[in-house]
Amino acid sequence: MQEFQTTQPLSNRAPLAEQPGVYSESAEWCGQPVFVKTLAADDPDSLARFQHEGRVAASLRHPLIVSPLAITPTQLIFPFVEGGTLRERLERGPLDEQQATEVASGVLCAVTYLHAQGVTHHDLKPENVMLLGGQPRWNNVRLIDFGMSHSRALPLDIHSGTRMGTPHFMAPEQFLGVRGDPRSDLYSVGVLLFDCLAGHPPYEDALGWLAGIRDRRAELPGPEPLHPLMRSALSRDRAQRPLSAAEMQHHLTSARLELNLPPLPLPTPDAAAAPATDTPA
């Protein structure tokens, strides 16, 4: 990763999205296709949030996480992942249990690494999971967007006490302002697995569920061996969720075996920190 104090020149620019204070585009930088976030606002709070995302993302090295190639005071330049998001794939229909558990395994592999680095993502959802080549396989998962993340390595959590997150995917305690609990990410992975199998998240009235005034959940989708894991991960009580991403991965692996699905050659925790060998185009 390179750090520059001046704005980097881009070519073949094409706008992709615009959020308050930040716009995103595809482009070419140093002869390779890239995805670029550019800070458009000039207020101190927007700058602090933008630089927070850059610092967290730049600290990560994992083959299933998209880390920046370069950062400047107003740019985050990432390798471009060709294939689209998991949400775009789900818009064509739910995944079967083989595909859904592969995607969830890939996400958990990345999350296990994140938590070992002291980082809680806090916005795990299909929109923030890229699929290399558009194929729902564990090794095609690419986790993106650390704008809402919490890192124990940073002296200040700029989102402290906020309710930032996506209602359908955020854990109840996150809605109450609790930050930095890895079990909040495990809740989100449970929702993501549910969404992959059902084509929609579990709670129609997500805000009512988060506020504790609604408990009605859609019927658990997919085959029965996956239900205990989803039921545990979706618990309002954090103590009822898996203790860690690694334990959740173990339960998912056991469920796959019960479904006669082949074991996945997931990287070991020590090997997982190696940078990706592919160059998304």
C-alpha atoms as a PDB file:
ATOM      1  CA  MET A   1       0.000   0.000   0.000  1.00  0.00           C
ATOM      2  CA  GLN A   2       1.302   3.434  -0.943  1.00  0.00           C
ATOM      3  CA  GLU A   3       0.507   6.703   0.779  1.00  0.00           C
ATOM      4  CA  PHE A   4       0.607  10.025  -1.068  1.00  0.00           C
ATOM      5  CA  GLN A   5       0.097  13.578   0.098  1.00  0.00           C
ATOM      6  CA  THR A   6      -1.195  14.737  -3.275  1.00  0.00           C
ATOM      7  CA  THR A   7      -4.258  13.685  -5.267  1.00  0.00           C
ATOM      8  CA  GLN A   8      -3.495  10.862  -7.663  1.00  0.00           C
ATOM      9  CA  PRO A   9      -4.278  11.270 -11.374  1.00  0.00           C
ATOM     10  CA  LEU A  10      -6.931   8.885 -12.707  1.00  0.00           C
ATOM     11  CA  SER A  11      -7.995   7.991 -16.237  1.00  0.00           C
ATOM     12  CA  ASN A  12     -11.043   6.307 -17.791  1.00  0.00           C
ATOM     13  CA  ARG A  13     -13.183   7.494 -14.898  1.00  0.00           C
ATOM     14  CA  ALA A  14     -16.805   6.346 -14.609  1.00  0.00           C
ATOM     15  CA  PRO A  15     -19.107   7.329 -11.701  1.00  0.00           C
ATOM     16  CA  LEU A  16     -20.606   4.480  -9.657  1.00  0.00           C
ATOM     17  CA  ALA A  17     -22.306   5.947  -6.586  1.00  0.00           C
ATOM     18  CA  GLU A  18     -22.520   9.027  -4.406  1.00  0.00           C
ATOM     19  CA  GLN A  19     -23.084   9.168  -0.665  1.00  0.00           C
ATOM     20  CA  PRO A  20     -23.127  12.224   1.596  1.00  0.00           C
ATOM     21  CA  GLY A  21     -19.640  13.690   1.331  1.00  0.00           C
ATOM     22  CA  VAL A  22     -18.122  10.807  -0.678  1.00  0.00           C
ATOM     23  CA  TYR A  23     -18.443   9.661  -4.271  1.00  0.00           C
ATOM     24  CA  SER A  24     -17.246   6.430  -5.818  1.00  0.00           C
ATOM     25  CA  GLU A  25     -16.029   5.660  -9.317  1.00  0.00           C
ATOM     26  CA  SER A  26     -14.197   3.110 -11.389  1.00  0.00           C
ATOM     27  CA  ALA A  27     -11.021   4.315 -13.080  1.00  0.00           C
ATOM     28  CA  GLU A  28      -7.498   3.405 -14.072  1.00  0.00           C
ATOM     29  CA  TRP A  29      -4.514   4.244 -11.905  1.00  0.00           C
ATOM     30  CA  CYS A  30      -0.929   3.330 -12.760  1.00  0.00           C
ATOM     31  CA  GLY A  31      -2.193   1.184 -15.624  1.00  0.00           C
ATOM     32  CA  GLN A  32      -4.612  -0.971 -13.635  1.00  0.00           C
ATOM     33  CA  PRO A  33      -8.365  -0.886 -13.049  1.00  0.00           C
ATOM     34  CA  VAL A  34      -9.320   0.522  -9.664  1.00  0.00           C
ATOM     35  CA  PHE A  35     -12.268   1.470  -7.504  1.00  0.00           C
ATOM     36  CA  VAL A  36     -11.865   4.931  -5.965  1.00  0.00           C
ATOM     37  CA  LYS A  37     -13.589   6.670  -3.102  1.00  0.00           C
ATOM     38  CA  THR A  38     -13.115  10.431  -3.104  1.00  0.00           C
ATOM     39  CA  LEU A  39     -13.931  12.802  -0.255  1.00  0.00           C
ATOM     40  CA  ALA A  40     -16.185  15.567  -1.543  1.00  0.00           C
ATOM     41  CA  ALA A  41     -17.054  17.301   1.738  1.00  0.00           C
ATOM     42  CA  ASP A  42     -14.683  19.695   3.477  1.00  0.00           C
ATOM     43  CA  ASP A  43     -15.973  19.609   7.054  1.00  0.00           C
ATOM     44  CA  PRO A  44     -13.775  18.128   9.821  1.00  0.00           C
ATOM     45  CA  ASP A  45     -16.222  15.341  10.752  1.00  0.00           C
ATOM     46  CA  SER A  46     -16.410  14.005   7.180  1.00  0.00           C
ATOM     47  CA  LEU A  47     -12.624  14.145   6.896  1.00  0.00           C
ATOM     48  CA  ALA A  48     -12.216  12.252  10.178  1.00  0.00           C
ATOM     49  CA  ARG A  49     -14.645   9.511   9.102  1.00  0.00           C
ATOM     50  CA  PHE A  50     -12.985   9.193   5.698  1.00  0.00           C
ATOM     51  CA  GLN A  51      -9.501   8.939   7.166  1.00  0.00           C
ATOM     52  CA  HIS A  52     -10.740   6.446   9.772  1.00  0.00           C
ATOM     53  CA  GLU A  53     -11.936   4.130   7.003  1.00  0.00           C
ATOM     54  CA  GLY A  54      -8.608   4.493   5.198  1.00  0.00           C
ATOM     55  CA  ARG A  55      -6.537   3.732   8.289  1.00  0.00           C
ATOM     56  CA  VAL A  56      -8.543   0.624   9.150  1.00  0.00           C
ATOM     57  CA  ALA A  57      -8.613  -0.735   5.584  1.00  0.00           C
ATOM     58  CA  ALA A  58      -4.893  -0.049   5.085  1.00  0.00           C
ATOM     59  CA  SER A  59      -4.031  -2.072   8.205  1.00  0.00           C
ATOM     60  CA  LEU A  60      -5.558  -5.284   6.794  1.00  0.00           C
ATOM     61  CA  ARG A  61      -3.825  -7.946   4.688  1.00  0.00           C
ATOM     62  CA  HIS A  62      -6.025 -10.906   3.824  1.00  0.00           C
ATOM     63  CA  PRO A  63      -6.882 -12.579   0.504  1.00  0.00           C
ATOM     64  CA  LEU A  64     -10.632 -12.218   1.097  1.00  0.00           C
ATOM     65  CA  ILE A  65     -10.500  -8.535   2.099  1.00  0.00           C
ATOM     66  CA  VAL A  66     -10.098  -5.654  -0.350  1.00  0.00           C
ATOM     67  CA  SER A  67      -7.385  -3.379   1.041  1.00  0.00           C
ATOM     68  CA  PRO A  68      -6.347  -0.109  -0.608  1.00  0.00           C
ATOM     69  CA  LEU A  69      -3.546   0.090  -3.134  1.00  0.00           C
ATOM     70  CA  ALA A  70      -3.007   3.728  -2.251  1.00  0.00           C
ATOM     71  CA  ILE A  71      -4.429   6.449  -0.051  1.00  0.00           C
ATOM     72  CA  THR A  72      -4.241  10.233  -0.193  1.00  0.00           C
ATOM     73  CA  PRO A  73      -5.872  12.787   2.127  1.00  0.00           C
ATOM     74  CA  THR A  74      -8.975  12.721  -0.098  1.00  0.00           C
ATOM     75  CA  GLN A  75      -8.752   9.412  -2.005  1.00  0.00           C
ATOM     76  CA  LEU A  76      -8.946   5.708  -1.220  1.00  0.00           C
ATOM     77  CA  ILE A  77      -7.803   3.666  -4.222  1.00  0.00           C
ATOM     78  CA  PHE A  78      -8.697  -0.038  -4.236  1.00  0.00           C
ATOM     79  CA  PRO A  79      -8.171  -2.839  -6.766  1.00  0.00           C
ATOM     80  CA  PHE A  80     -11.296  -3.240  -8.873  1.00  0.00           C
ATOM     81  CA  VAL A  81     -13.130  -6.505  -8.209  1.00  0.00           C
ATOM     82  CA  GLU A  82     -14.924  -7.657 -11.338  1.00  0.00           C
ATOM     83  CA  GLY A  83     -18.096  -9.611 -10.700  1.00  0.00           C
ATOM     84  CA  GLY A  84     -20.519  -7.518  -8.655  1.00  0.00           C
ATOM     85  CA  THR A  85     -21.827  -7.723  -5.111  1.00  0.00           C
ATOM     86  CA  LEU A  86     -23.556 -10.572  -3.338  1.00  0.00           C
ATOM     87  CA  ARG A  87     -26.679  -8.388  -3.296  1.00  0.00           C
ATOM     88  CA  GLU A  88     -26.631  -8.191  -7.092  1.00  0.00           C
ATOM     89  CA  ARG A  89     -26.362 -11.969  -7.231  1.00  0.00           C
ATOM     90  CA  LEU A  90     -29.268 -12.415  -4.769  1.00  0.00           C
ATOM     91  CA  GLU A  91     -31.463 -10.150  -6.874  1.00  0.00           C
ATOM     92  CA  ARG A  92     -31.517 -13.023  -9.382  1.00  0.00           C
ATOM     93  CA  GLY A  93     -32.759 -15.434  -6.700  1.00  0.00           C
ATOM     94  CA  PRO A  94     -31.669 -17.173  -3.469  1.00  0.00           C
ATOM     95  CA  LEU A  95     -28.649 -19.454  -3.283  1.00  0.00           C
ATOM     96  CA  ASP A  96     -28.849 -23.176  -2.588  1.00  0.00           C
ATOM     97  CA  GLU A  97     -27.308 -24.568   0.594  1.00  0.00           C
ATOM     98  CA  GLN A  98     -24.015 -25.390  -1.127  1.00  0.00           C
ATOM     99  CA  GLN A  99     -23.539 -21.844  -2.419  1.00  0.00           C
ATOM    100  CA  ALA A 100     -24.952 -20.076   0.644  1.00  0.00           C
ATOM    101  CA  THR A 101     -22.710 -21.951   3.072  1.00  0.00           C
ATOM    102  CA  GLU A 102     -19.682 -21.377   0.843  1.00  0.00           C
ATOM    103  CA  VAL A 103     -20.296 -17.627   0.837  1.00  0.00           C
ATOM    104  CA  ALA A 104     -20.882 -17.599   4.597  1.00  0.00           C
ATOM    105  CA  SER A 105     -17.672 -19.622   5.089  1.00  0.00           C
ATOM    106  CA  GLY A 106     -15.700 -17.101   3.044  1.00  0.00           C
ATOM    107  CA  VAL A 107     -17.138 -14.210   5.024  1.00  0.00           C
ATOM    108  CA  LEU A 108     -16.362 -15.979   8.314  1.00  0.00           C
ATOM    109  CA  CYS A 109     -12.820 -16.653   7.163  1.00  0.00           C
ATOM    110  CA  ALA A 110     -12.339 -12.910   6.580  1.00  0.00           C
ATOM    111  CA  VAL A 111     -14.116 -12.020   9.831  1.00  0.00           C
ATOM    112  CA  THR A 112     -11.948 -14.415  11.850  1.00  0.00           C
ATOM    113  CA  TYR A 113      -8.924 -12.494  10.594  1.00  0.00           C
ATOM    114  CA  LEU A 114     -10.568  -9.112  11.279  1.00  0.00           C
ATOM    115  CA  HIS A 115     -11.351 -10.000  14.861  1.00  0.00           C
ATOM    116  CA  ALA A 116      -7.811 -11.287  15.414  1.00  0.00           C
ATOM    117  CA  GLN A 117      -6.636  -7.823  14.333  1.00  0.00           C
ATOM    118  CA  GLY A 118      -8.978  -6.121  16.795  1.00  0.00           C
ATOM    119  CA  VAL A 119     -11.343  -4.904  14.060  1.00  0.00           C
ATOM    120  CA  THR A 120     -15.133  -5.231  14.136  1.00  0.00           C
ATOM    121  CA  HIS A 121     -16.678  -4.523  10.725  1.00  0.00           C
ATOM    122  CA  HIS A 122     -20.138  -3.401  11.931  1.00  0.00           C
ATOM    123  CA  ASP A 123     -21.689  -3.347   8.440  1.00  0.00           C
ATOM    124  CA  LEU A 124     -21.608  -6.896   7.094  1.00  0.00           C
ATOM    125  CA  LYS A 125     -24.309  -7.234   4.426  1.00  0.00           C
ATOM    126  CA  PRO A 126     -24.610  -8.503   0.839  1.00  0.00           C
ATOM    127  CA  GLU A 127     -23.836  -5.019  -0.515  1.00  0.00           C
ATOM    128  CA  ASN A 128     -20.418  -5.181   1.177  1.00  0.00           C
ATOM    129  CA  VAL A 129     -19.496  -8.639  -0.083  1.00  0.00           C
ATOM    130  CA  MET A 130     -18.060  -8.724  -3.588  1.00  0.00           C
ATOM    131  CA  LEU A 131     -18.006 -11.984  -5.554  1.00  0.00           C
ATOM    132  CA  LEU A 132     -15.012 -12.305  -7.834  1.00  0.00           C
ATOM    133  CA  GLY A 133     -16.316 -13.320 -11.237  1.00  0.00           C
ATOM    134  CA  GLY A 134     -19.845 -13.194  -9.838  1.00  0.00           C
ATOM    135  CA  GLN A 135     -19.571 -16.784  -8.589  1.00  0.00           C
ATOM    136  CA  PRO A 136     -20.802 -17.628  -5.035  1.00  0.00           C
ATOM    137  CA  ARG A 137     -17.762 -19.600  -3.907  1.00  0.00           C
ATOM    138  CA  TRP A 138     -15.905 -19.149  -0.626  1.00  0.00           C
ATOM    139  CA  ASN A 139     -12.643 -18.130  -2.311  1.00  0.00           C
ATOM    140  CA  ASN A 140     -14.443 -15.553  -4.482  1.00  0.00           C
ATOM    141  CA  VAL A 141     -15.614 -13.583  -1.444  1.00  0.00           C
ATOM    142  CA  ARG A 142     -14.080 -10.107  -1.137  1.00  0.00           C
ATOM    143  CA  LEU A 143     -15.104  -8.096   1.916  1.00  0.00           C
ATOM    144  CA  ILE A 144     -15.267  -4.316   1.444  1.00  0.00           C
ATOM    145  CA  ASP A 145     -16.214  -1.026   3.172  1.00  0.00           C
ATOM    146  CA  PHE A 146     -14.784  -0.301   6.598  1.00  0.00           C
ATOM    147  CA  GLY A 147     -16.507   3.046   6.996  1.00  0.00           C
ATOM    148  CA  MET A 148     -18.430   1.934  10.095  1.00  0.00           C
ATOM    149  CA  SER A 149     -15.739  -0.278  11.577  1.00  0.00           C
ATOM    150  CA  HIS A 150     -14.263  -0.233  15.065  1.00  0.00           C
ATOM    151  CA  SER A 151     -10.559  -0.859  15.629  1.00  0.00           C
ATOM    152  CA  ARG A 152      -8.911  -1.389  18.998  1.00  0.00           C
ATOM    153  CA  ALA A 153      -5.637  -0.180  17.453  1.00  0.00           C
ATOM    154  CA  LEU A 154      -6.948   3.355  16.950  1.00  0.00           C
ATOM    155  CA  PRO A 155      -6.889   5.699  19.954  1.00  0.00           C
ATOM    156  CA  LEU A 156     -10.269   7.217  19.114  1.00  0.00           C
ATOM    157  CA  ASP A 157     -13.470   5.589  17.871  1.00  0.00           C
ATOM    158  CA  ILE A 158     -15.086   8.393  15.894  1.00  0.00           C
ATOM    159  CA  HIS A 159     -18.397   6.505  15.796  1.00  0.00           C
ATOM    160  CA  SER A 160     -18.543   5.952  19.566  1.00  0.00           C
ATOM    161  CA  GLY A 161     -22.095   5.818  20.903  1.00  0.00           C
ATOM    162  CA  THR A 162     -23.725   6.063  17.478  1.00  0.00           C
ATOM    163  CA  ARG A 163     -26.384   3.801  15.973  1.00  0.00           C
ATOM    164  CA  MET A 164     -24.560   3.436  12.676  1.00  0.00           C
ATOM    165  CA  GLY A 165     -25.365   0.343  10.654  1.00  0.00           C
ATOM    166  CA  THR A 166     -27.907  -1.126   8.254  1.00  0.00           C
ATOM    167  CA  PRO A 167     -31.089  -1.968  10.223  1.00  0.00           C
ATOM    168  CA  HIS A 168     -31.819  -5.345   8.599  1.00  0.00           C
ATOM    169  CA  PHE A 169     -28.251  -6.534   9.310  1.00  0.00           C
ATOM    170  CA  MET A 170     -27.171  -4.752  12.494  1.00  0.00           C
ATOM    171  CA  ALA A 171     -27.278  -6.466  15.865  1.00  0.00           C
ATOM    172  CA  PRO A 172     -29.664  -5.166  18.551  1.00  0.00           C
ATOM    173  CA  GLU A 173     -26.811  -4.040  20.802  1.00  0.00           C
ATOM    174  CA  GLN A 174     -25.264  -2.144  17.892  1.00  0.00           C
ATOM    175  CA  PHE A 175     -28.565  -0.297  17.498  1.00  0.00           C
ATOM    176  CA  LEU A 176     -28.193   0.747  21.155  1.00  0.00           C
ATOM    177  CA  GLY A 177     -24.742   2.206  20.492  1.00  0.00           C
ATOM    178  CA  VAL A 178     -22.533  -0.697  21.616  1.00  0.00           C
ATOM    179  CA  ARG A 179     -19.337  -0.718  19.553  1.00  0.00           C
ATOM    180  CA  GLY A 180     -16.453  -3.139  19.171  1.00  0.00           C
ATOM    181  CA  ASP A 181     -18.158  -6.400  20.212  1.00  0.00           C
ATOM    182  CA  PRO A 182     -17.175  -9.107  17.677  1.00  0.00           C
ATOM    183  CA  ARG A 183     -20.457 -10.920  18.375  1.00  0.00           C
ATOM    184  CA  SER A 184     -22.244  -8.093  16.569  1.00  0.00           C
ATOM    185  CA  ASP A 185     -20.512  -9.212  13.361  1.00  0.00           C
ATOM    186  CA  LEU A 186     -21.572 -12.818  14.017  1.00  0.00           C
ATOM    187  CA  TYR A 187     -25.189 -11.675  14.200  1.00  0.00           C
ATOM    188  CA  SER A 188     -24.733  -9.988  10.807  1.00  0.00           C
ATOM    189  CA  VAL A 189     -23.231 -13.140   9.303  1.00  0.00           C
ATOM    190  CA  GLY A 190     -26.271 -15.053  10.550  1.00  0.00           C
ATOM    191  CA  VAL A 191     -28.564 -12.565   8.802  1.00  0.00           C
ATOM    192  CA  LEU A 192     -26.437 -12.782   5.666  1.00  0.00           C
ATOM    193  CA  LEU A 193     -26.721 -16.594   5.600  1.00  0.00           C
ATOM    194  CA  PHE A 194     -30.479 -16.306   6.132  1.00  0.00           C
ATOM    195  CA  ASP A 195     -30.722 -13.788   3.285  1.00  0.00           C
ATOM    196  CA  CYS A 196     -28.668 -16.005   0.956  1.00  0.00           C
ATOM    197  CA  LEU A 197     -31.058 -18.929   1.537  1.00  0.00           C
ATOM    198  CA  ALA A 198     -34.367 -17.046   1.699  1.00  0.00           C
ATOM    199  CA  GLY A 199     -33.758 -14.107  -0.612  1.00  0.00           C
ATOM    200  CA  HIS A 200     -34.676 -11.673   2.180  1.00  0.00           C
ATOM    201  CA  PRO A 201     -33.533 -10.898   5.760  1.00  0.00           C
ATOM    202  CA  PRO A 202     -35.319 -12.453   8.755  1.00  0.00           C
ATOM    203  CA  TYR A 203     -37.177  -9.457  10.194  1.00  0.00           C
ATOM    204  CA  GLU A 204     -39.584  -7.504   8.009  1.00  0.00           C
ATOM    205  CA  ASP A 205     -39.853  -4.791  10.680  1.00  0.00           C
ATOM    206  CA  ALA A 206     -36.144  -4.496  11.368  1.00  0.00           C
ATOM    207  CA  LEU A 207     -36.402  -1.303  13.432  1.00  0.00           C
ATOM    208  CA  GLY A 208     -39.178  -2.807  15.551  1.00  0.00           C
ATOM    209  CA  TRP A 209     -36.987  -5.856  16.236  1.00  0.00           C
ATOM    210  CA  LEU A 210     -33.969  -3.714  17.086  1.00  0.00           C
ATOM    211  CA  ALA A 211     -35.998  -1.543  19.451  1.00  0.00           C
ATOM    212  CA  GLY A 212     -37.359  -4.633  21.215  1.00  0.00           C
ATOM    213  CA  ILE A 213     -41.021  -4.086  20.334  1.00  0.00           C
ATOM    214  CA  ARG A 214     -41.275  -6.749  17.601  1.00  0.00           C
ATOM    215  CA  ASP A 215     -40.096 -10.364  17.763  1.00  0.00           C
ATOM    216  CA  ARG A 216     -41.741 -11.933  14.742  1.00  0.00           C
ATOM    217  CA  ARG A 217     -39.129 -13.572  12.534  1.00  0.00           C
ATOM    218  CA  ALA A 218     -39.635 -15.204   9.160  1.00  0.00           C
ATOM    219  CA  GLU A 219     -39.407 -18.987   9.102  1.00  0.00           C
ATOM    220  CA  LEU A 220     -35.822 -20.232   9.029  1.00  0.00           C
ATOM    221  CA  PRO A 221     -34.891 -21.063   5.426  1.00  0.00           C
ATOM    222  CA  GLY A 222     -32.822 -23.888   4.010  1.00  0.00           C
ATOM    223  CA  PRO A 223     -32.288 -27.390   5.346  1.00  0.00           C
ATOM    224  CA  GLU A 224     -32.742 -28.172   9.050  1.00  0.00           C
ATOM    225  CA  PRO A 225     -29.014 -28.797   9.842  1.00  0.00           C
ATOM    226  CA  LEU A 226     -28.411 -25.059   9.281  1.00  0.00           C
ATOM    227  CA  HIS A 227     -31.215 -23.925  11.598  1.00  0.00           C
ATOM    228  CA  PRO A 228     -29.424 -24.235  14.977  1.00  0.00           C
ATOM    229  CA  LEU A 229     -26.575 -22.062  13.713  1.00  0.00           C
ATOM    230  CA  MET A 230     -28.890 -19.372  12.348  1.00  0.00           C
ATOM    231  CA  ARG A 231     -31.065 -19.480  15.465  1.00  0.00           C
ATOM    232  CA  SER A 232     -28.004 -19.007  17.684  1.00  0.00           C
ATOM    233  CA  ALA A 233     -26.437 -16.252  15.568  1.00  0.00           C
ATOM    234  CA  LEU A 234     -29.715 -14.310  15.408  1.00  0.00           C
ATOM    235  CA  SER A 235     -30.246 -14.322  19.159  1.00  0.00           C
ATOM    236  CA  ARG A 236     -30.968 -10.967  20.787  1.00  0.00           C
ATOM    237  CA  ASP A 237     -28.800 -12.133  23.703  1.00  0.00           C
ATOM    238  CA  ARG A 238     -25.146 -11.919  22.683  1.00  0.00           C
ATOM    239  CA  ALA A 239     -24.260 -14.692  25.118  1.00  0.00           C
ATOM    240  CA  GLN A 240     -26.386 -17.106  23.072  1.00  0.00           C
ATOM    241  CA  ARG A 241     -24.428 -16.484  19.879  1.00  0.00           C
ATOM    242  CA  PRO A 242     -21.258 -18.396  18.924  1.00  0.00           C
ATOM    243  CA  LEU A 243     -18.295 -17.329  21.043  1.00  0.00           C
ATOM    244  CA  SER A 244     -16.178 -16.406  18.041  1.00  0.00           C
ATOM    245  CA  ALA A 245     -16.061 -16.378  14.253  1.00  0.00           C
ATOM    246  CA  ALA A 246     -13.873 -19.476  14.400  1.00  0.00           C
ATOM    247  CA  GLU A 247     -16.496 -21.320  16.470  1.00  0.00           C
ATOM    248  CA  MET A 248     -19.233 -20.217  14.067  1.00  0.00           C
ATOM    249  CA  GLN A 249     -17.125 -21.510  11.189  1.00  0.00           C
ATOM    250  CA  HIS A 250     -16.784 -24.843  13.001  1.00  0.00           C
ATOM    251  CA  HIS A 251     -20.573 -25.126  13.402  1.00  0.00           C
ATOM    252  CA  LEU A 252     -21.070 -24.238   9.736  1.00  0.00           C
ATOM    253  CA  THR A 253     -18.538 -26.875   8.696  1.00  0.00           C
ATOM    254  CA  SER A 254     -20.349 -29.485  10.820  1.00  0.00           C
ATOM    255  CA  ALA A 255     -23.669 -28.561   9.209  1.00  0.00           C
ATOM    256  CA  ARG A 256     -22.138 -28.911   5.751  1.00  0.00           C
ATOM    257  CA  LEU A 257     -20.873 -32.379   6.639  1.00  0.00           C
ATOM    258  CA  GLU A 258     -24.346 -33.329   7.849  1.00  0.00           C
ATOM    259  CA  LEU A 259     -25.681 -32.159   4.484  1.00  0.00           C
ATOM    260  CA  ASN A 260     -23.076 -34.304   2.684  1.00  0.00           C
ATOM    261  CA  LEU A 261     -21.389 -31.218   1.255  1.00  0.00           C
ATOM    262  CA  PRO A 262     -17.651 -31.477   0.638  1.00  0.00           C
ATOM    263  CA  PRO A 263     -15.233 -29.830   3.087  1.00  0.00           C
ATOM    264  CA  LEU A 264     -13.844 -26.473   2.031  1.00  0.00           C
ATOM    265  CA  PRO A 265     -10.060 -25.910   1.819  1.00  0.00           C
ATOM    266  CA  LEU A 266     -10.210 -22.753   3.920  1.00  0.00           C
ATOM    267  CA  PRO A 267      -6.846 -21.156   4.776  1.00  0.00           C
ATOM    268  CA  THR A 268      -5.507 -21.607   8.282  1.00  0.00           C
ATOM    269  CA  PRO A 269      -5.424 -18.487  10.498  1.00  0.00           C
ATOM    270  CA  ASP A 270      -1.647 -18.192  10.042  1.00  0.00           C
ATOM    271  CA  ALA A 271      -1.796 -18.477   6.252  1.00  0.00           C
ATOM    272  CA  ALA A 272      -4.847 -16.263   5.905  1.00  0.00           C
ATOM    273  CA  ALA A 273      -2.901 -13.046   6.431  1.00  0.00           C
ATOM    274  CA  ALA A 274      -1.028 -13.442   3.139  1.00  0.00           C
ATOM    275  CA  PRO A 275      -2.031 -10.927   0.457  1.00  0.00           C
ATOM    276  CA  ALA A 276      -4.242 -12.109  -2.377  1.00  0.00           C
ATOM    277  CA  THR A 277      -2.381 -13.561  -5.337  1.00  0.00           C
ATOM    278  CA  ASP A 278      -5.054 -12.679  -7.891  1.00  0.00           C
ATOM    279  CA  THR A 279      -5.354  -9.214  -9.346  1.00  0.00           C
ATOM    280  CA  PRO A 280      -9.041  -8.476  -9.856  1.00  0.00           C
ATOM    281  CA  ALA A 281      -9.702  -6.896 -13.210  1.00  0.00           C
END
